[in-house]
Amino acid sequence: MRPAPPLPAPPSLTSCRALVAYDAEAAAALLALKNGGHRGLVRPLAAALVRLVPAVDGLVVTWAPTSARRRHARGYDQAELLARALARQAGLGARPLLRRQAGPAQAGLGARARRSNPRFTARRCPWPVLVVDDVATTGATLAAAAAALRAAGAPEVHGLVVARAPRSAVE
């Protein structure tokens, strides 16, 4: 897979890093994890992501949760699996700090609709936070998660994803 393109961090994030570019190969792997039940991908992906964890004292790992409907259909939340595996491998704590509010799935929405769609509430969190997700296309999910975490007291919010789409693919 190709390295991720260098793109600016979405709003409200201190930094945002991605392991690979969101191309056909990355999409196939992430779809296998999300919809194909290939949970065996979690451990190696988390091991690769560990290299990208920012060196921040007191960093707590969380994830951008999927909807309750999708979690029920899949039997798991892929972002949670990645975040917990990453936290274990990095020796960091993982906490469920975010709750997704009801709304449509991001998949299939255009860029404008994606930017206004995801909404989260956050638990009080006075620590720097690392939000883990599988893919960033427009960055809307990470931005919404970061805004909720900042409103809940997080002094820094960093994003970390497996794959990131190039800017031209999402505008």
C-alpha atoms as a PDB file:
ATOM      1  CA  MET A   1       0.000   0.000   0.000  1.00  0.00           C
ATOM      2  CA  ARG A   2       1.098   3.554  -0.682  1.00  0.00           C
ATOM      3  CA  PRO A   3       1.998   5.964   2.139  1.00  0.00           C
ATOM      4  CA  ALA A   4      -0.703   8.454   3.127  1.00  0.00           C
ATOM      5  CA  PRO A   5      -0.620  11.865   1.478  1.00  0.00           C
ATOM      6  CA  PRO A   6       0.466  14.762   3.700  1.00  0.00           C
ATOM      7  CA  LEU A   7      -2.706  16.735   4.339  1.00  0.00           C
ATOM      8  CA  PRO A   8      -3.590  19.320   6.973  1.00  0.00           C
ATOM      9  CA  ALA A   9      -5.383  18.171  10.113  1.00  0.00           C
ATOM     10  CA  PRO A  10      -9.176  18.533  10.075  1.00  0.00           C
ATOM     11  CA  PRO A  11     -10.651  21.311  12.269  1.00  0.00           C
ATOM     12  CA  SER A  12     -10.289  20.955  16.071  1.00  0.00           C
ATOM     13  CA  LEU A  13      -7.455  18.411  15.767  1.00  0.00           C
ATOM     14  CA  THR A  14      -3.962  19.172  16.991  1.00  0.00           C
ATOM     15  CA  SER A  15      -2.563  16.693  14.473  1.00  0.00           C
ATOM     16  CA  CYS A  16      -3.781  13.943  12.187  1.00  0.00           C
ATOM     17  CA  ARG A  17      -1.776  11.044  10.829  1.00  0.00           C
ATOM     18  CA  ALA A  18      -2.595   8.170   8.515  1.00  0.00           C
ATOM     19  CA  LEU A  19      -0.778   4.949   7.775  1.00  0.00           C
ATOM     20  CA  VAL A  20      -1.623   4.612   4.076  1.00  0.00           C
ATOM     21  CA  ALA A  21      -3.388   6.325   1.202  1.00  0.00           C
ATOM     22  CA  TYR A  22      -7.002   5.341   0.689  1.00  0.00           C
ATOM     23  CA  ASP A  23      -6.683   3.569  -2.644  1.00  0.00           C
ATOM     24  CA  ALA A  24      -8.235   0.380  -4.025  1.00  0.00           C
ATOM     25  CA  GLU A  25      -5.953  -1.885  -1.997  1.00  0.00           C
ATOM     26  CA  ALA A  26      -6.560  -0.033   1.292  1.00  0.00           C
ATOM     27  CA  ALA A  27     -10.293   0.122   0.582  1.00  0.00           C
ATOM     28  CA  ALA A  28     -10.424  -3.649   0.020  1.00  0.00           C
ATOM     29  CA  ALA A  29      -8.581  -4.339   3.285  1.00  0.00           C
ATOM     30  CA  LEU A  30     -10.768  -1.958   5.298  1.00  0.00           C
ATOM     31  CA  LEU A  31     -13.976  -3.314   3.764  1.00  0.00           C
ATOM     32  CA  ALA A  32     -12.810  -6.817   4.684  1.00  0.00           C
ATOM     33  CA  LEU A  33     -12.401  -5.624   8.281  1.00  0.00           C
ATOM     34  CA  LYS A  34     -15.624  -3.595   8.398  1.00  0.00           C
ATOM     35  CA  ASN A  35     -18.018  -5.781   6.469  1.00  0.00           C
ATOM     36  CA  GLY A  36     -16.222  -9.073   5.939  1.00  0.00           C
ATOM     37  CA  GLY A  37     -15.589  -9.977   9.554  1.00  0.00           C
ATOM     38  CA  HIS A  38     -11.809 -10.175   9.025  1.00  0.00           C
ATOM     39  CA  ARG A  39     -10.876  -9.201  12.564  1.00  0.00           C
ATOM     40  CA  GLY A  40      -7.463 -10.804  12.074  1.00  0.00           C
ATOM     41  CA  LEU A  41      -6.438  -7.560  10.353  1.00  0.00           C
ATOM     42  CA  VAL A  42      -6.763  -5.590  13.591  1.00  0.00           C
ATOM     43  CA  ARG A  43      -3.531  -6.691  15.286  1.00  0.00           C
ATOM     44  CA  PRO A  44      -1.171  -6.065  12.331  1.00  0.00           C
ATOM     45  CA  LEU A  45      -2.845  -2.748  11.512  1.00  0.00           C
ATOM     46  CA  ALA A  46      -2.551  -1.640  15.135  1.00  0.00           C
ATOM     47  CA  ALA A  47       1.122  -2.691  15.172  1.00  0.00           C
ATOM     48  CA  ALA A  48       1.771  -0.527  12.125  1.00  0.00           C
ATOM     49  CA  LEU A  49      -0.176   2.410  13.595  1.00  0.00           C
ATOM     50  CA  VAL A  50       1.879   2.361  16.812  1.00  0.00           C
ATOM     51  CA  ARG A  51       4.754   4.037  14.948  1.00  0.00           C
ATOM     52  CA  LEU A  52       2.498   7.049  14.300  1.00  0.00           C
ATOM     53  CA  VAL A  53       1.274   7.657  17.861  1.00  0.00           C
ATOM     54  CA  PRO A  54       2.272  11.168  18.930  1.00  0.00           C
ATOM     55  CA  ALA A  55       4.654  11.411  21.881  1.00  0.00           C
ATOM     56  CA  VAL A  56       2.344  13.234  24.285  1.00  0.00           C
ATOM     57  CA  ASP A  57       2.389  12.801  28.068  1.00  0.00           C
ATOM     58  CA  GLY A  58      -0.853  11.442  29.515  1.00  0.00           C
ATOM     59  CA  LEU A  59      -2.295  10.536  26.110  1.00  0.00           C
ATOM     60  CA  VAL A  60      -5.547   8.532  26.255  1.00  0.00           C
ATOM     61  CA  VAL A  61      -6.793   6.518  23.270  1.00  0.00           C
ATOM     62  CA  THR A  62     -10.419   6.546  22.153  1.00  0.00           C
ATOM     63  CA  TRP A  63     -12.244   5.897  18.891  1.00  0.00           C
ATOM     64  CA  ALA A  64     -14.859   7.458  16.662  1.00  0.00           C
ATOM     65  CA  PRO A  65     -17.689   5.006  17.337  1.00  0.00           C
ATOM     66  CA  THR A  66     -19.878   3.653  14.584  1.00  0.00           C
ATOM     67  CA  SER A  67     -23.653   3.809  14.893  1.00  0.00           C
ATOM     68  CA  ALA A  68     -25.432   1.354  17.170  1.00  0.00           C
ATOM     69  CA  ARG A  69     -27.191  -0.085  14.107  1.00  0.00           C
ATOM     70  CA  ARG A  70     -23.929  -0.787  12.272  1.00  0.00           C
ATOM     71  CA  ARG A  71     -22.273  -2.159  15.398  1.00  0.00           C
ATOM     72  CA  HIS A  72     -25.192  -4.542  15.885  1.00  0.00           C
ATOM     73  CA  ALA A  73     -25.137  -5.642  12.229  1.00  0.00           C
ATOM     74  CA  ARG A  74     -21.362  -6.292  12.251  1.00  0.00           C
ATOM     75  CA  GLY A  75     -21.144  -7.590  15.791  1.00  0.00           C
ATOM     76  CA  TYR A  76     -18.328  -5.150  16.565  1.00  0.00           C
ATOM     77  CA  ASP A  77     -17.044  -1.642  15.998  1.00  0.00           C
ATOM     78  CA  GLN A  78     -13.900  -1.757  13.851  1.00  0.00           C
ATOM     79  CA  ALA A  79     -12.614   1.584  15.181  1.00  0.00           C
ATOM     80  CA  GLU A  80     -12.947   0.346  18.754  1.00  0.00           C
ATOM     81  CA  LEU A  81     -11.063  -2.860  17.938  1.00  0.00           C
ATOM     82  CA  LEU A  82      -8.259  -0.858  16.300  1.00  0.00           C
ATOM     83  CA  ALA A  83      -8.092   1.657  19.165  1.00  0.00           C
ATOM     84  CA  ARG A  84      -8.012  -0.966  21.913  1.00  0.00           C
ATOM     85  CA  ALA A  85      -5.361  -3.040  20.096  1.00  0.00           C
ATOM     86  CA  LEU A  86      -3.286   0.075  19.446  1.00  0.00           C
ATOM     87  CA  ALA A  87      -3.541   1.161  23.081  1.00  0.00           C
ATOM     88  CA  ARG A  88      -2.440  -2.290  24.300  1.00  0.00           C
ATOM     89  CA  GLN A  89       0.526  -2.365  21.927  1.00  0.00           C
ATOM     90  CA  ALA A  90       1.533   1.224  22.760  1.00  0.00           C
ATOM     91  CA  GLY A  91       1.113   0.799  26.519  1.00  0.00           C
ATOM     92  CA  LEU A  92      -1.593   3.482  26.688  1.00  0.00           C
ATOM     93  CA  GLY A  93      -5.027   3.559  28.282  1.00  0.00           C
ATOM     94  CA  ALA A  94      -8.136   3.244  26.115  1.00  0.00           C
ATOM     95  CA  ARG A  95     -11.465   4.769  27.130  1.00  0.00           C
ATOM     96  CA  PRO A  96     -14.877   5.010  25.449  1.00  0.00           C
ATOM     97  CA  LEU A  97     -15.082   8.807  25.511  1.00  0.00           C
ATOM     98  CA  LEU A  98     -17.397   9.426  22.558  1.00  0.00           C
ATOM     99  CA  ARG A  99     -21.008   8.584  21.802  1.00  0.00           C
ATOM    100  CA  ARG A 100     -22.339   8.916  18.263  1.00  0.00           C
ATOM    101  CA  GLN A 101     -25.679  10.664  17.947  1.00  0.00           C
ATOM    102  CA  ALA A 102     -28.291   9.276  15.582  1.00  0.00           C
ATOM    103  CA  GLY A 103     -27.881  10.124  11.915  1.00  0.00           C
ATOM    104  CA  PRO A 104     -27.225   8.545   8.525  1.00  0.00           C
ATOM    105  CA  ALA A 105     -24.061   6.606   7.733  1.00  0.00           C
ATOM    106  CA  GLN A 106     -21.219   8.561   6.127  1.00  0.00           C
ATOM    107  CA  ALA A 107     -20.807   5.959   3.368  1.00  0.00           C
ATOM    108  CA  GLY A 108     -22.492   7.055   0.179  1.00  0.00           C
ATOM    109  CA  LEU A 109     -22.835  10.719   1.172  1.00  0.00           C
ATOM    110  CA  GLY A 110     -21.237  13.514  -0.834  1.00  0.00           C
ATOM    111  CA  ALA A 111     -18.520  15.714   0.655  1.00  0.00           C
ATOM    112  CA  ARG A 112     -20.904  18.503   1.724  1.00  0.00           C
ATOM    113  CA  ALA A 113     -23.305  16.092   3.453  1.00  0.00           C
ATOM    114  CA  ARG A 114     -20.386  14.261   5.102  1.00  0.00           C
ATOM    115  CA  ARG A 115     -19.099  17.468   6.652  1.00  0.00           C
ATOM    116  CA  SER A 116     -22.367  18.230   8.418  1.00  0.00           C
ATOM    117  CA  ASN A 117     -23.454  14.697   9.272  1.00  0.00           C
ATOM    118  CA  PRO A 118     -21.483  13.130  12.133  1.00  0.00           C
ATOM    119  CA  ARG A 119     -22.348  14.311  15.648  1.00  0.00           C
ATOM    120  CA  PHE A 120     -20.852  13.149  18.907  1.00  0.00           C
ATOM    121  CA  THR A 121     -21.140  13.827  22.598  1.00  0.00           C
ATOM    122  CA  ALA A 122     -18.132  13.273  24.838  1.00  0.00           C
ATOM    123  CA  ARG A 123     -17.501  12.361  28.434  1.00  0.00           C
ATOM    124  CA  ARG A 124     -15.466  14.754  30.512  1.00  0.00           C
ATOM    125  CA  CYS A 125     -11.843  14.277  29.505  1.00  0.00           C
ATOM    126  CA  PRO A 126      -9.169  16.606  30.898  1.00  0.00           C
ATOM    127  CA  TRP A 127      -6.384  14.678  29.129  1.00  0.00           C
ATOM    128  CA  PRO A 128      -4.849  14.796  25.673  1.00  0.00           C
ATOM    129  CA  VAL A 129      -6.716  12.330  23.474  1.00  0.00           C
ATOM    130  CA  LEU A 130      -5.864  10.225  20.441  1.00  0.00           C
ATOM    131  CA  VAL A 131      -8.967   9.457  18.333  1.00  0.00           C
ATOM    132  CA  VAL A 132      -8.598   6.327  16.199  1.00  0.00           C
ATOM    133  CA  ASP A 133     -10.698   5.541  13.132  1.00  0.00           C
ATOM    134  CA  ASP A 134     -10.325   3.310  10.098  1.00  0.00           C
ATOM    135  CA  VAL A 135     -10.468   5.857   7.274  1.00  0.00           C
ATOM    136  CA  ALA A 136     -10.659   9.616   6.792  1.00  0.00           C
ATOM    137  CA  THR A 137     -12.169  10.885   3.573  1.00  0.00           C
ATOM    138  CA  THR A 138     -13.386  14.429   4.248  1.00  0.00           C
ATOM    139  CA  GLY A 139     -12.149  14.418   7.857  1.00  0.00           C
ATOM    140  CA  ALA A 140     -15.681  15.229   9.067  1.00  0.00           C
ATOM    141  CA  THR A 141     -15.909  12.342  11.531  1.00  0.00           C
ATOM    142  CA  LEU A 142     -12.564  13.198  13.130  1.00  0.00           C
ATOM    143  CA  ALA A 143     -13.435  16.915  13.217  1.00  0.00           C
ATOM    144  CA  ALA A 144     -16.794  16.241  14.892  1.00  0.00           C
ATOM    145  CA  ALA A 145     -15.181  13.878  17.399  1.00  0.00           C
ATOM    146  CA  ALA A 146     -12.433  16.394  18.167  1.00  0.00           C
ATOM    147  CA  ALA A 147     -14.933  19.235  18.650  1.00  0.00           C
ATOM    148  CA  ALA A 148     -16.903  17.141  21.142  1.00  0.00           C
ATOM    149  CA  LEU A 149     -13.740  16.138  23.011  1.00  0.00           C
ATOM    150  CA  ARG A 150     -12.499  19.732  23.181  1.00  0.00           C
ATOM    151  CA  ALA A 151     -15.895  20.837  24.520  1.00  0.00           C
ATOM    152  CA  ALA A 152     -15.508  18.124  27.176  1.00  0.00           C
ATOM    153  CA  GLY A 153     -12.132  19.515  28.273  1.00  0.00           C
ATOM    154  CA  ALA A 154      -9.495  17.751  26.165  1.00  0.00           C
ATOM    155  CA  PRO A 155      -6.518  20.144  25.851  1.00  0.00           C
ATOM    156  CA  GLU A 156      -5.259  18.363  22.701  1.00  0.00           C
ATOM    157  CA  VAL A 157      -6.929  15.996  20.273  1.00  0.00           C
ATOM    158  CA  HIS A 158      -4.871  13.993  17.802  1.00  0.00           C
ATOM    159  CA  GLY A 159      -6.317  11.869  15.018  1.00  0.00           C
ATOM    160  CA  LEU A 160      -4.944   8.577  13.746  1.00  0.00           C
ATOM    161  CA  VAL A 161      -6.425   6.559  10.884  1.00  0.00           C
ATOM    162  CA  VAL A 162      -5.401   3.561   8.846  1.00  0.00           C
ATOM    163  CA  ALA A 163      -6.120   5.264   5.518  1.00  0.00           C
ATOM    164  CA  ARG A 164      -6.659   8.806   4.321  1.00  0.00           C
ATOM    165  CA  ALA A 165      -8.113   9.896   1.006  1.00  0.00           C
ATOM    166  CA  PRO A 166      -6.275  12.515  -1.013  1.00  0.00           C
ATOM    167  CA  ARG A 167      -7.899  15.947  -0.914  1.00  0.00           C
ATOM    168  CA  SER A 168      -8.956  15.774  -4.584  1.00  0.00           C
ATOM    169  CA  ALA A 169     -10.964  12.613  -3.900  1.00  0.00           C
ATOM    170  CA  VAL A 170     -13.215  14.273  -1.334  1.00  0.00           C
ATOM    171  CA  GLU A 171     -13.794  17.822  -2.540  1.00  0.00           C
END
